[in-house]
Amino acid sequence: MPSYDIRLRKRRDGAKLIYRINETNDLAAICAARNAAESGDTVEVWRGMQCIYVAQEHGGFSMPWSLVGLSASMRSNA
């Protein structure tokens, strides 16, 4: 199972939290990160040295800047 880091920046006090989890795939890791976040937190999911997901949580919905699949598209252009 791949290992992921979930990085949360807490909106209310600016604290940074990092969790290491093992999940079956990227989507499961992203779902775990979103479940761990509170409203207003910034969420990042890292697989090794690659950031695969970034989002700013806003009261029940998020504005994701997902990087999932970026490496695959870069490989196809190489």
N, C-alpha and C. Protein backbone atom coordinates (compact mmCIF):
# COMPACT_ATOMS: atom_id res chain seq x y z
N MET A 1 0.83 -1.18 0.00
CA MET A 1 0.00 0.00 0.00
C MET A 1 0.88 1.25 0.00
N PRO A 2 0.55 2.22 -0.86
CA PRO A 2 1.34 3.45 -0.88
C PRO A 2 1.18 4.25 0.42
N SER A 3 2.22 4.99 0.73
CA SER A 3 2.23 5.87 1.91
C SER A 3 2.01 7.30 1.45
N TYR A 4 1.20 8.04 2.20
CA TYR A 4 0.87 9.43 1.87
C TYR A 4 1.08 10.31 3.09
N ASP A 5 1.39 11.57 2.85
CA ASP A 5 1.40 12.59 3.90
C ASP A 5 0.21 13.50 3.66
N ILE A 6 -0.58 13.72 4.71
CA ILE A 6 -1.66 14.71 4.67
C ILE A 6 -1.17 15.91 5.46
N ARG A 7 -1.14 17.07 4.82
CA ARG A 7 -0.68 18.30 5.47
C ARG A 7 -1.87 19.25 5.58
N LEU A 8 -2.16 19.64 6.81
CA LEU A 8 -3.26 20.56 7.07
C LEU A 8 -2.71 21.84 7.68
N ARG A 9 -3.15 22.97 7.17
CA ARG A 9 -2.88 24.25 7.81
C ARG A 9 -4.20 24.73 8.38
N LYS A 10 -4.25 24.83 9.70
CA LYS A 10 -5.48 25.17 10.39
C LYS A 10 -5.78 26.66 10.24
N ARG A 11 -6.98 26.96 9.80
CA ARG A 11 -7.39 28.34 9.56
C ARG A 11 -7.42 29.14 10.85
N ARG A 12 -7.94 28.55 11.91
CA ARG A 12 -8.17 29.35 13.12
C ARG A 12 -6.89 29.79 13.82
N ASP A 13 -5.83 28.98 13.80
CA ASP A 13 -4.60 29.38 14.50
C ASP A 13 -3.34 29.26 13.66
N GLY A 14 -3.46 28.84 12.42
CA GLY A 14 -2.31 28.73 11.54
C GLY A 14 -1.41 27.54 11.81
N ALA A 15 -1.81 26.66 12.73
CA ALA A 15 -0.99 25.48 13.05
C ALA A 15 -0.88 24.58 11.82
N LYS A 16 0.25 23.89 11.70
CA LYS A 16 0.46 22.94 10.61
C LYS A 16 0.48 21.54 11.20
N LEU A 17 -0.32 20.65 10.64
CA LEU A 17 -0.38 19.26 11.07
C LEU A 17 0.00 18.36 9.90
N ILE A 18 0.78 17.34 10.17
CA ILE A 18 1.15 16.38 9.13
C ILE A 18 0.81 14.98 9.65
N TYR A 19 0.04 14.25 8.85
CA TYR A 19 -0.32 12.87 9.16
C TYR A 19 0.29 11.98 8.09
N ARG A 20 0.79 10.83 8.48
CA ARG A 20 1.25 9.83 7.51
C ARG A 20 0.25 8.69 7.54
N ILE A 21 -0.26 8.35 6.36
CA ILE A 21 -1.26 7.29 6.25
C ILE A 21 -0.88 6.35 5.13
N ASN A 22 -1.39 5.15 5.18
CA ASN A 22 -1.29 4.18 4.08
C ASN A 22 -2.68 3.97 3.53
N GLU A 23 -2.86 4.17 2.24
CA GLU A 23 -4.15 3.98 1.58
C GLU A 23 -3.95 3.17 0.32
N THR A 24 -5.04 2.66 -0.22
CA THR A 24 -4.96 1.80 -1.39
C THR A 24 -4.62 2.57 -2.67
N ASN A 25 -5.02 3.87 -2.74
CA ASN A 25 -4.74 4.66 -3.94
C ASN A 25 -4.86 6.15 -3.62
N ASP A 26 -4.59 6.98 -4.63
CA ASP A 26 -4.61 8.43 -4.45
C ASP A 26 -5.98 8.94 -4.02
N LEU A 27 -7.03 8.44 -4.65
CA LEU A 27 -8.37 8.92 -4.33
C LEU A 27 -8.73 8.64 -2.87
N ALA A 28 -8.38 7.46 -2.37
CA ALA A 28 -8.67 7.14 -0.97
C ALA A 28 -7.90 8.08 -0.04
N ALA A 29 -6.67 8.43 -0.39
CA ALA A 29 -5.88 9.35 0.43
C ALA A 29 -6.49 10.75 0.41
N ILE A 30 -6.96 11.20 -0.75
CA ILE A 30 -7.59 12.51 -0.86
C ILE A 30 -8.88 12.55 -0.04
N CYS A 31 -9.68 11.49 -0.09
CA CYS A 31 -10.91 11.44 0.71
C CYS A 31 -10.59 11.48 2.20
N ALA A 32 -9.56 10.77 2.63
CA ALA A 32 -9.16 10.78 4.04
C ALA A 32 -8.73 12.19 4.45
N ALA A 33 -8.01 12.88 3.58
CA ALA A 33 -7.56 14.24 3.89
C ALA A 33 -8.74 15.19 4.01
N ARG A 34 -9.69 15.09 3.11
CA ARG A 34 -10.87 15.97 3.15
C ARG A 34 -11.69 15.70 4.40
N ASN A 35 -11.75 14.44 4.83
CA ASN A 35 -12.49 14.11 6.05
C ASN A 35 -11.79 14.66 7.29
N ALA A 36 -10.48 14.76 7.25
CA ALA A 36 -9.71 15.26 8.41
C ALA A 36 -9.76 16.78 8.51
N ALA A 37 -10.05 17.46 7.41
CA ALA A 37 -10.02 18.92 7.39
C ALA A 37 -11.29 19.52 7.97
N GLU A 38 -11.13 20.68 8.57
CA GLU A 38 -12.26 21.47 9.04
C GLU A 38 -12.46 22.63 8.08
N SER A 39 -13.57 23.31 8.19
CA SER A 39 -13.88 24.44 7.33
C SER A 39 -12.77 25.49 7.43
N GLY A 40 -12.26 25.91 6.28
CA GLY A 40 -11.24 26.94 6.23
C GLY A 40 -9.82 26.42 6.21
N ASP A 41 -9.61 25.13 6.46
CA ASP A 41 -8.26 24.57 6.45
C ASP A 41 -7.73 24.45 5.02
N THR A 42 -6.44 24.57 4.87
CA THR A 42 -5.78 24.26 3.61
C THR A 42 -5.29 22.82 3.70
N VAL A 43 -5.56 22.03 2.66
CA VAL A 43 -5.26 20.61 2.65
C VAL A 43 -4.30 20.30 1.52
N GLU A 44 -3.27 19.52 1.81
CA GLU A 44 -2.37 19.00 0.78
C GLU A 44 -2.22 17.50 1.00
N VAL A 45 -2.14 16.75 -0.10
CA VAL A 45 -1.85 15.32 -0.03
C VAL A 45 -0.59 15.08 -0.88
N TRP A 46 0.38 14.43 -0.25
CA TRP A 46 1.66 14.14 -0.91
C TRP A 46 1.88 12.64 -0.97
N ARG A 47 2.31 12.14 -2.13
CA ARG A 47 2.77 10.77 -2.31
C ARG A 47 4.26 10.87 -2.58
N GLY A 48 5.04 10.57 -1.57
CA GLY A 48 6.49 10.75 -1.69
C GLY A 48 6.80 12.23 -1.85
N MET A 49 7.53 12.57 -2.90
CA MET A 49 7.92 13.95 -3.16
C MET A 49 6.94 14.67 -4.10
N GLN A 50 5.83 14.00 -4.46
CA GLN A 50 4.88 14.59 -5.40
C GLN A 50 3.59 15.00 -4.68
N CYS A 51 3.23 16.27 -4.84
CA CYS A 51 1.96 16.77 -4.31
C CYS A 51 0.87 16.36 -5.30
N ILE A 52 -0.12 15.60 -4.83
CA ILE A 52 -1.17 15.12 -5.74
C ILE A 52 -2.49 15.85 -5.55
N TYR A 53 -2.62 16.66 -4.48
CA TYR A 53 -3.88 17.36 -4.25
C TYR A 53 -3.65 18.54 -3.32
N VAL A 54 -4.27 19.67 -3.66
CA VAL A 54 -4.24 20.86 -2.81
C VAL A 54 -5.64 21.47 -2.86
N ALA A 55 -6.17 21.85 -1.69
CA ALA A 55 -7.49 22.49 -1.66
C ALA A 55 -7.59 23.42 -0.47
N GLN A 56 -8.36 24.47 -0.64
CA GLN A 56 -8.73 25.38 0.44
C GLN A 56 -10.18 25.07 0.76
N GLU A 57 -10.45 24.58 1.96
CA GLU A 57 -11.80 24.21 2.35
C GLU A 57 -12.60 25.46 2.72
N HIS A 58 -13.82 25.56 2.22
CA HIS A 58 -14.70 26.71 2.49
C HIS A 58 -16.09 26.22 2.88
N GLY A 59 -16.34 26.07 4.15
CA GLY A 59 -17.67 25.78 4.66
C GLY A 59 -18.49 24.77 3.89
N GLY A 60 -18.04 23.54 3.79
CA GLY A 60 -18.84 22.50 3.18
C GLY A 60 -18.49 22.21 1.73
N PHE A 61 -17.70 23.05 1.09
CA PHE A 61 -17.23 22.73 -0.26
C PHE A 61 -15.80 23.19 -0.39
N SER A 62 -15.14 22.74 -1.42
CA SER A 62 -13.74 23.12 -1.57
C SER A 62 -13.48 23.63 -2.97
N MET A 63 -12.39 24.36 -3.10
CA MET A 63 -11.90 24.80 -4.39
C MET A 63 -10.60 24.04 -4.62
N PRO A 64 -10.67 22.84 -5.25
CA PRO A 64 -9.47 22.03 -5.38
C PRO A 64 -8.59 22.48 -6.54
N TRP A 65 -7.31 22.40 -6.30
CA TRP A 65 -6.32 22.54 -7.36
C TRP A 65 -5.65 21.18 -7.43
N SER A 66 -6.35 20.23 -8.06
CA SER A 66 -5.89 18.85 -8.06
C SER A 66 -4.75 18.68 -9.05
N LEU A 67 -3.72 18.03 -8.59
CA LEU A 67 -2.57 17.74 -9.43
C LEU A 67 -2.55 16.27 -9.83
N VAL A 68 -3.62 15.54 -9.52
CA VAL A 68 -3.70 14.13 -9.86
C VAL A 68 -3.64 13.99 -11.37
N GLY A 69 -2.79 13.13 -11.87
CA GLY A 69 -2.68 12.90 -13.30
C GLY A 69 -1.72 13.84 -14.00
N LEU A 70 -1.19 14.83 -13.30
CA LEU A 70 -0.28 15.78 -13.92
C LEU A 70 0.97 15.08 -14.44
N SER A 71 1.52 14.17 -13.66
CA SER A 71 2.74 13.50 -14.09
C SER A 71 2.48 12.65 -15.31
N ALA A 72 1.29 12.05 -15.42
CA ALA A 72 0.96 11.23 -16.59
C ALA A 72 0.90 12.09 -17.85
N SER A 73 0.29 13.28 -17.76
CA SER A 73 0.21 14.15 -18.92
C SER A 73 1.58 14.67 -19.30
N MET A 74 2.44 14.90 -18.31
CA MET A 74 3.78 15.37 -18.61
C MET A 74 4.58 14.27 -19.31
N ARG A 75 4.38 13.02 -18.90
CA ARG A 75 5.09 11.89 -19.54
C ARG A 75 4.64 11.75 -20.99
N SER A 76 3.35 11.94 -21.27
CA SER A 76 2.87 11.77 -22.62
C SER A 76 3.39 12.87 -23.55
N ASN A 77 3.77 14.02 -22.99
CA ASN A 77 4.30 15.11 -23.81
C ASN A 77 5.81 15.03 -23.98
N ALA A 78 6.44 14.12 -23.26
CA ALA A 78 7.91 14.02 -23.31
C ALA A 78 8.38 13.29 -24.54
